[in-house]
Amino acid sequence: MSILEIAIASQIWARHEKRQLGLDDADALKVLLRSAFTFLAFSLLIAGLNLAAGRPQVVAQQPAPVVAGR
């Protein structure tokens, strides 16, 4: 990124911050919904990748083996 691009991006960002000083309930709801959507999307992505790899993540149905002889 050139110095000119960085300067222009900084100016745009500064103007955007001046307009949006307060945080209202609608903004908080948007943040909450975006966070929930992102969490759900990544959870589904990981589950899909695990299924594609042939090893779905399940809760252990038997106790984990104890490491002996340390």
PDB file of N, CA and C in Angstrom:
ATOM      1  N   MET A   1       0.848  -1.167   0.000  1.00  0.00           N
ATOM      2  CA  MET A   1       0.000   0.000   0.000  1.00  0.00           C
ATOM      3  C   MET A   1       0.896   1.234   0.000  1.00  0.00           C
ATOM      4  N   SER A   2       0.598   2.151  -0.867  1.00  0.00           N
ATOM      5  CA  SER A   2       1.426   3.343  -0.941  1.00  0.00           C
ATOM      6  C   SER A   2       1.043   4.324   0.164  1.00  0.00           C
ATOM      7  N   ILE A   3       1.893   5.299   0.359  1.00  0.00           N
ATOM      8  CA  ILE A   3       1.651   6.306   1.394  1.00  0.00           C
ATOM      9  C   ILE A   3       0.393   7.102   1.067  1.00  0.00           C
ATOM     10  N   LEU A   4       0.156   7.379  -0.203  1.00  0.00           N
ATOM     11  CA  LEU A   4      -1.038   8.119  -0.609  1.00  0.00           C
ATOM     12  C   LEU A   4      -2.309   7.335  -0.273  1.00  0.00           C
ATOM     13  N   GLU A   5      -2.302   6.036  -0.523  1.00  0.00           N
ATOM     14  CA  GLU A   5      -3.472   5.209  -0.194  1.00  0.00           C
ATOM     15  C   GLU A   5      -3.723   5.178   1.302  1.00  0.00           C
ATOM     16  N   ILE A   6      -2.662   5.106   2.078  1.00  0.00           N
ATOM     17  CA  ILE A   6      -2.804   5.107   3.536  1.00  0.00           C
ATOM     18  C   ILE A   6      -3.370   6.427   4.015  1.00  0.00           C
ATOM     19  N   ALA A   7      -2.895   7.538   3.450  1.00  0.00           N
ATOM     20  CA  ALA A   7      -3.385   8.857   3.848  1.00  0.00           C
ATOM     21  C   ALA A   7      -4.862   9.024   3.506  1.00  0.00           C
ATOM     22  N   ILE A   8      -5.254   8.575   2.313  1.00  0.00           N
ATOM     23  CA  ILE A   8      -6.665   8.681   1.927  1.00  0.00           C
ATOM     24  C   ILE A   8      -7.537   7.812   2.824  1.00  0.00           C
ATOM     25  N   ALA A   9      -7.082   6.601   3.124  1.00  0.00           N
ATOM     26  CA  ALA A   9      -7.847   5.713   4.009  1.00  0.00           C
ATOM     27  C   ALA A   9      -7.967   6.319   5.408  1.00  0.00           C
ATOM     28  N   SER A  10      -6.921   6.966   5.883  1.00  0.00           N
ATOM     29  CA  SER A  10      -6.973   7.605   7.202  1.00  0.00           C
ATOM     30  C   SER A  10      -7.989   8.731   7.228  1.00  0.00           C
ATOM     31  N   GLN A  11      -8.040   9.529   6.164  1.00  0.00           N
ATOM     32  CA  GLN A  11      -9.004  10.619   6.092  1.00  0.00           C
ATOM     33  C   GLN A  11     -10.435  10.093   6.059  1.00  0.00           C
ATOM     34  N   ILE A  12     -10.665   9.062   5.283  1.00  0.00           N
ATOM     35  CA  ILE A  12     -12.008   8.476   5.214  1.00  0.00           C
ATOM     36  C   ILE A  12     -12.406   7.920   6.574  1.00  0.00           C
ATOM     37  N   TRP A  13     -11.482   7.244   7.243  1.00  0.00           N
ATOM     38  CA  TRP A  13     -11.763   6.668   8.554  1.00  0.00           C
ATOM     39  C   TRP A  13     -12.051   7.759   9.574  1.00  0.00           C
ATOM     40  N   ALA A  14     -11.282   8.862   9.532  1.00  0.00           N
ATOM     41  CA  ALA A  14     -11.480   9.962  10.477  1.00  0.00           C
ATOM     42  C   ALA A  14     -12.841  10.610  10.262  1.00  0.00           C
ATOM     43  N   ARG A  15     -13.251  10.779   9.027  1.00  0.00           N
ATOM     44  CA  ARG A  15     -14.574  11.357   8.759  1.00  0.00           C
ATOM     45  C   ARG A  15     -15.674  10.430   9.239  1.00  0.00           C
ATOM     46  N   HIS A  16     -15.476   9.142   9.066  1.00  0.00           N
ATOM     47  CA  HIS A  16     -16.483   8.175   9.513  1.00  0.00           C
ATOM     48  C   HIS A  16     -16.607   8.196  11.028  1.00  0.00           C
ATOM     49  N   GLU A  17     -15.502   8.318  11.738  1.00  0.00           N
ATOM     50  CA  GLU A  17     -15.537   8.335  13.202  1.00  0.00           C
ATOM     51  C   GLU A  17     -16.212   9.591  13.730  1.00  0.00           C
ATOM     52  N   LYS A  18     -16.057  10.722  13.052  1.00  0.00           N
ATOM     53  CA  LYS A  18     -16.690  11.957  13.498  1.00  0.00           C
ATOM     54  C   LYS A  18     -18.205  11.858  13.423  1.00  0.00           C
ATOM     55  N   ARG A  19     -18.708  11.196  12.390  1.00  0.00           N
ATOM     56  CA  ARG A  19     -20.154  11.079  12.231  1.00  0.00           C
ATOM     57  C   ARG A  19     -20.765  10.139  13.260  1.00  0.00           C
ATOM     58  N   GLN A  20     -20.059   9.136  13.662  1.00  0.00           N
ATOM     59  CA  GLN A  20     -20.618   8.103  14.515  1.00  0.00           C
ATOM     60  C   GLN A  20     -19.966   8.163  15.892  1.00  0.00           C
ATOM     61  N   LEU A  21     -20.447   9.060  16.717  1.00  0.00           N
ATOM     62  CA  LEU A  21     -19.867   9.202  18.045  1.00  0.00           C
ATOM     63  C   LEU A  21     -20.596   8.339  19.071  1.00  0.00           C
ATOM     64  N   GLY A  22     -21.922   8.272  18.979  1.00  0.00           N
ATOM     65  CA  GLY A  22     -22.694   7.544  19.976  1.00  0.00           C
ATOM     66  C   GLY A  22     -23.034   6.134  19.531  1.00  0.00           C
ATOM     67  N   LEU A  23     -23.304   5.288  20.513  1.00  0.00           N
ATOM     68  CA  LEU A  23     -23.692   3.914  20.242  1.00  0.00           C
ATOM     69  C   LEU A  23     -25.099   3.731  20.795  1.00  0.00           C
ATOM     70  N   ASP A  24     -26.049   3.464  19.923  1.00  0.00           N
ATOM     71  CA  ASP A  24     -27.427   3.299  20.383  1.00  0.00           C
ATOM     72  C   ASP A  24     -27.816   1.825  20.406  1.00  0.00           C
ATOM     73  N   ASP A  25     -29.076   1.576  20.748  1.00  0.00           N
ATOM     74  CA  ASP A  25     -29.545   0.193  20.885  1.00  0.00           C
ATOM     75  C   ASP A  25     -29.522  -0.557  19.559  1.00  0.00           C
ATOM     76  N   ALA A  26     -29.793   0.128  18.463  1.00  0.00           N
ATOM     77  CA  ALA A  26     -29.789  -0.536  17.158  1.00  0.00           C
ATOM     78  C   ALA A  26     -28.380  -1.007  16.806  1.00  0.00           C
ATOM     79  N   ASP A  27     -27.370  -0.201  17.142  1.00  0.00           N
ATOM     80  CA  ASP A  27     -25.988  -0.597  16.877  1.00  0.00           C
ATOM     81  C   ASP A  27     -25.592  -1.799  17.732  1.00  0.00           C
ATOM     82  N   ALA A  28     -26.013  -1.786  18.983  1.00  0.00           N
ATOM     83  CA  ALA A  28     -25.696  -2.908  19.873  1.00  0.00           C
ATOM     84  C   ALA A  28     -26.356  -4.187  19.367  1.00  0.00           C
ATOM     85  N   LEU A  29     -27.572  -4.078  18.867  1.00  0.00           N
ATOM     86  CA  LEU A  29     -28.267  -5.243  18.327  1.00  0.00           C
ATOM     87  C   LEU A  29     -27.557  -5.758  17.072  1.00  0.00           C
ATOM     88  N   LYS A  30     -27.083  -4.841  16.224  1.00  0.00           N
ATOM     89  CA  LYS A  30     -26.353  -5.249  15.027  1.00  0.00           C
ATOM     90  C   LYS A  30     -25.079  -6.001  15.397  1.00  0.00           C
ATOM     91  N   VAL A  31     -24.371  -5.496  16.384  1.00  0.00           N
ATOM     92  CA  VAL A  31     -23.131  -6.150  16.813  1.00  0.00           C
ATOM     93  C   VAL A  31     -23.430  -7.536  17.363  1.00  0.00           C
ATOM     94  N   LEU A  32     -24.475  -7.652  18.164  1.00  0.00           N
ATOM     95  CA  LEU A  32     -24.850  -8.943  18.731  1.00  0.00           C
ATOM     96  C   LEU A  32     -25.257  -9.929  17.640  1.00  0.00           C
ATOM     97  N   LEU A  33     -26.047  -9.481  16.683  1.00  0.00           N
ATOM     98  CA  LEU A  33     -26.477 -10.369  15.600  1.00  0.00           C
ATOM     99  C   LEU A  33     -25.308 -10.776  14.713  1.00  0.00           C
ATOM    100  N   ARG A  34     -24.412  -9.852  14.429  1.00  0.00           N
ATOM    101  CA  ARG A  34     -23.238 -10.191  13.611  1.00  0.00           C
ATOM    102  C   ARG A  34     -22.344 -11.179  14.342  1.00  0.00           C
ATOM    103  N   SER A  35     -22.187 -10.995  15.650  1.00  0.00           N
ATOM    104  CA  SER A  35     -21.366 -11.929  16.424  1.00  0.00           C
ATOM    105  C   SER A  35     -21.983 -13.319  16.429  1.00  0.00           C
ATOM    106  N   ALA A  36     -23.295 -13.389  16.629  1.00  0.00           N
ATOM    107  CA  ALA A  36     -23.979 -14.681  16.636  1.00  0.00           C
ATOM    108  C   ALA A  36     -23.888 -15.346  15.265  1.00  0.00           C
ATOM    109  N   PHE A  37     -24.083 -14.568  14.201  1.00  0.00           N
ATOM    110  CA  PHE A  37     -23.998 -15.121  12.850  1.00  0.00           C
ATOM    111  C   PHE A  37     -22.591 -15.627  12.559  1.00  0.00           C
ATOM    112  N   THR A  38     -21.577 -14.868  12.968  1.00  0.00           N
ATOM    113  CA  THR A  38     -20.192 -15.276  12.737  1.00  0.00           C
ATOM    114  C   THR A  38     -19.870 -16.556  13.500  1.00  0.00           C
ATOM    115  N   PHE A  39     -20.303 -16.642  14.746  1.00  0.00           N
ATOM    116  CA  PHE A  39     -20.076 -17.846  15.544  1.00  0.00           C
ATOM    117  C   PHE A  39     -20.758 -19.053  14.901  1.00  0.00           C
ATOM    118  N   LEU A  40     -21.991 -18.871  14.469  1.00  0.00           N
ATOM    119  CA  LEU A  40     -22.729 -19.966  13.827  1.00  0.00           C
ATOM    120  C   LEU A  40     -22.069 -20.379  12.517  1.00  0.00           C
ATOM    121  N   ALA A  41     -21.634 -19.402  11.724  1.00  0.00           N
ATOM    122  CA  ALA A  41     -21.015 -19.711  10.436  1.00  0.00           C
ATOM    123  C   ALA A  41     -19.715 -20.490  10.627  1.00  0.00           C
ATOM    124  N   PHE A  42     -18.870 -20.063  11.555  1.00  0.00           N
ATOM    125  CA  PHE A  42     -17.625 -20.780  11.778  1.00  0.00           C
ATOM    126  C   PHE A  42     -17.861 -22.156  12.381  1.00  0.00           C
ATOM    127  N   SER A  43     -18.877 -22.279  13.247  1.00  0.00           N
ATOM    128  CA  SER A  43     -19.197 -23.590  13.802  1.00  0.00           C
ATOM    129  C   SER A  43     -19.621 -24.555  12.700  1.00  0.00           C
ATOM    130  N   LEU A  44     -20.472 -24.069  11.797  1.00  0.00           N
ATOM    131  CA  LEU A  44     -20.900 -24.919  10.687  1.00  0.00           C
ATOM    132  C   LEU A  44     -19.745 -25.234   9.748  1.00  0.00           C
ATOM    133  N   LEU A  45     -18.860 -24.274   9.523  1.00  0.00           N
ATOM    134  CA  LEU A  45     -17.699 -24.514   8.679  1.00  0.00           C
ATOM    135  C   LEU A  45     -16.801 -25.593   9.267  1.00  0.00           C
ATOM    136  N   ILE A  46     -16.526 -25.504  10.557  1.00  0.00           N
ATOM    137  CA  ILE A  46     -15.669 -26.500  11.206  1.00  0.00           C
ATOM    138  C   ILE A  46     -16.342 -27.869  11.195  1.00  0.00           C
ATOM    139  N   ALA A  47     -17.647 -27.901  11.468  1.00  0.00           N
ATOM    140  CA  ALA A  47     -18.363 -29.179  11.442  1.00  0.00           C
ATOM    141  C   ALA A  47     -18.337 -29.788  10.044  1.00  0.00           C
ATOM    142  N   GLY A  48     -18.523 -28.955   9.021  1.00  0.00           N
ATOM    143  CA  GLY A  48     -18.476 -29.454   7.651  1.00  0.00           C
ATOM    144  C   GLY A  48     -17.106 -29.976   7.271  1.00  0.00           C
ATOM    145  N   LEU A  49     -16.064 -29.276   7.686  1.00  0.00           N
ATOM    146  CA  LEU A  49     -14.711 -29.739   7.394  1.00  0.00           C
ATOM    147  C   LEU A  49     -14.406 -31.047   8.111  1.00  0.00           C
ATOM    148  N   ASN A  50     -14.868 -31.185   9.347  1.00  0.00           N
ATOM    149  CA  ASN A  50     -14.665 -32.435  10.084  1.00  0.00           C
ATOM    150  C   ASN A  50     -15.410 -33.587   9.425  1.00  0.00           C
ATOM    151  N   LEU A  51     -16.625 -33.322   8.958  1.00  0.00           N
ATOM    152  CA  LEU A  51     -17.379 -34.385   8.277  1.00  0.00           C
ATOM    153  C   LEU A  51     -16.709 -34.755   6.958  1.00  0.00           C
ATOM    154  N   ALA A  52     -16.207 -33.765   6.241  1.00  0.00           N
ATOM    155  CA  ALA A  52     -15.533 -34.039   4.976  1.00  0.00           C
ATOM    156  C   ALA A  52     -14.254 -34.842   5.193  1.00  0.00           C
ATOM    157  N   ALA A  53     -13.613 -34.627   6.328  1.00  0.00           N
ATOM    158  CA  ALA A  53     -12.387 -35.365   6.629  1.00  0.00           C
ATOM    159  C   ALA A  53     -12.694 -36.763   7.151  1.00  0.00           C
ATOM    160  N   GLY A  54     -13.968 -37.031   7.435  1.00  0.00           N
ATOM    161  CA  GLY A  54     -14.356 -38.359   7.903  1.00  0.00           C
ATOM    162  C   GLY A  54     -14.133 -38.586   9.383  1.00  0.00           C
ATOM    163  N   ARG A  55     -14.017 -37.543  10.129  1.00  0.00           N
ATOM    164  CA  ARG A  55     -13.818 -37.699  11.574  1.00  0.00           C
ATOM    165  C   ARG A  55     -14.649 -36.665  12.333  1.00  0.00           C
ATOM    166  N   PRO A  56     -15.942 -36.895  12.442  1.00  0.00           N
ATOM    167  CA  PRO A  56     -16.785 -35.943  13.168  1.00  0.00           C
ATOM    168  C   PRO A  56     -16.403 -35.873  14.639  1.00  0.00           C
ATOM    169  N   GLN A  57     -16.507 -34.699  15.200  1.00  0.00           N
ATOM    170  CA  GLN A  57     -16.178 -34.509  16.612  1.00  0.00           C
ATOM    171  C   GLN A  57     -17.382 -34.930  17.450  1.00  0.00           C
ATOM    172  N   VAL A  58     -17.199 -35.924  18.283  1.00  0.00           N
ATOM    173  CA  VAL A  58     -18.268 -36.383  19.162  1.00  0.00           C
ATOM    174  C   VAL A  58     -17.727 -36.447  20.577  1.00  0.00           C
ATOM    175  N   VAL A  59     -18.641 -36.432  21.530  1.00  0.00           N
ATOM    176  CA  VAL A  59     -18.248 -36.591  22.923  1.00  0.00           C
ATOM    177  C   VAL A  59     -17.769 -38.021  23.116  1.00  0.00           C
ATOM    178  N   ALA A  60     -16.692 -38.190  23.838  1.00  0.00           N
ATOM    179  CA  ALA A  60     -16.116 -39.520  24.034  1.00  0.00           C
ATOM    180  C   ALA A  60     -17.141 -40.453  24.677  1.00  0.00           C
ATOM    181  N   GLN A  61     -17.284 -41.640  24.102  1.00  0.00           N
ATOM    182  CA  GLN A  61     -18.239 -42.604  24.624  1.00  0.00           C
ATOM    183  C   GLN A  61     -17.587 -43.558  25.613  1.00  0.00           C
ATOM    184  N   GLN A  62     -16.303 -43.458  25.766  1.00  0.00           N
ATOM    185  CA  GLN A  62     -15.590 -44.279  26.735  1.00  0.00           C
ATOM    186  C   GLN A  62     -14.559 -43.392  27.414  1.00  0.00           C
ATOM    187  N   PRO A  63     -14.156 -43.748  28.608  1.00  0.00           N
ATOM    188  CA  PRO A  63     -13.187 -42.906  29.297  1.00  0.00           C
ATOM    189  C   PRO A  63     -11.857 -42.857  28.546  1.00  0.00           C
ATOM    190  N   ALA A  64     -11.203 -41.745  28.656  1.00  0.00           N
ATOM    191  CA  ALA A  64      -9.917 -41.587  28.001  1.00  0.00           C
ATOM    192  C   ALA A  64      -8.895 -42.484  28.682  1.00  0.00           C
ATOM    193  N   PRO A  65      -7.974 -43.055  27.900  1.00  0.00           N
ATOM    194  CA  PRO A  65      -6.958 -43.931  28.517  1.00  0.00           C
ATOM    195  C   PRO A  65      -6.020 -43.124  29.420  1.00  0.00           C
ATOM    196  N   VAL A  66      -5.652 -43.729  30.520  1.00  0.00           N
ATOM    197  CA  VAL A  66      -4.771 -43.080  31.474  1.00  0.00           C
ATOM    198  C   VAL A  66      -3.337 -43.311  31.009  1.00  0.00           C
ATOM    199  N   VAL A  67      -2.569 -42.269  31.000  1.00  0.00           N
ATOM    200  CA  VAL A  67      -1.162 -42.384  30.602  1.00  0.00           C
ATOM    201  C   VAL A  67      -0.403 -42.961  31.798  1.00  0.00           C
ATOM    202  N   ALA A  68       0.197 -44.112  31.604  1.00  0.00           N
ATOM    203  CA  ALA A  68       0.897 -44.775  32.696  1.00  0.00           C
ATOM    204  C   ALA A  68       2.393 -44.813  32.403  1.00  0.00           C
ATOM    205  N   GLY A  69       3.168 -44.959  33.439  1.00  0.00           N
ATOM    206  CA  GLY A  69       4.597 -45.129  33.306  1.00  0.00           C
ATOM    207  C   GLY A  69       5.356 -43.856  33.015  1.00  0.00           C
ATOM    208  N   ARG A  70       4.914 -42.778  33.558  1.00  0.00           N
ATOM    209  CA  ARG A  70       5.659 -41.535  33.341  1.00  0.00           C
ATOM    210  C   ARG A  70       6.763 -41.407  34.325  1.00  0.00           C
TER     211      ARG A  70
END
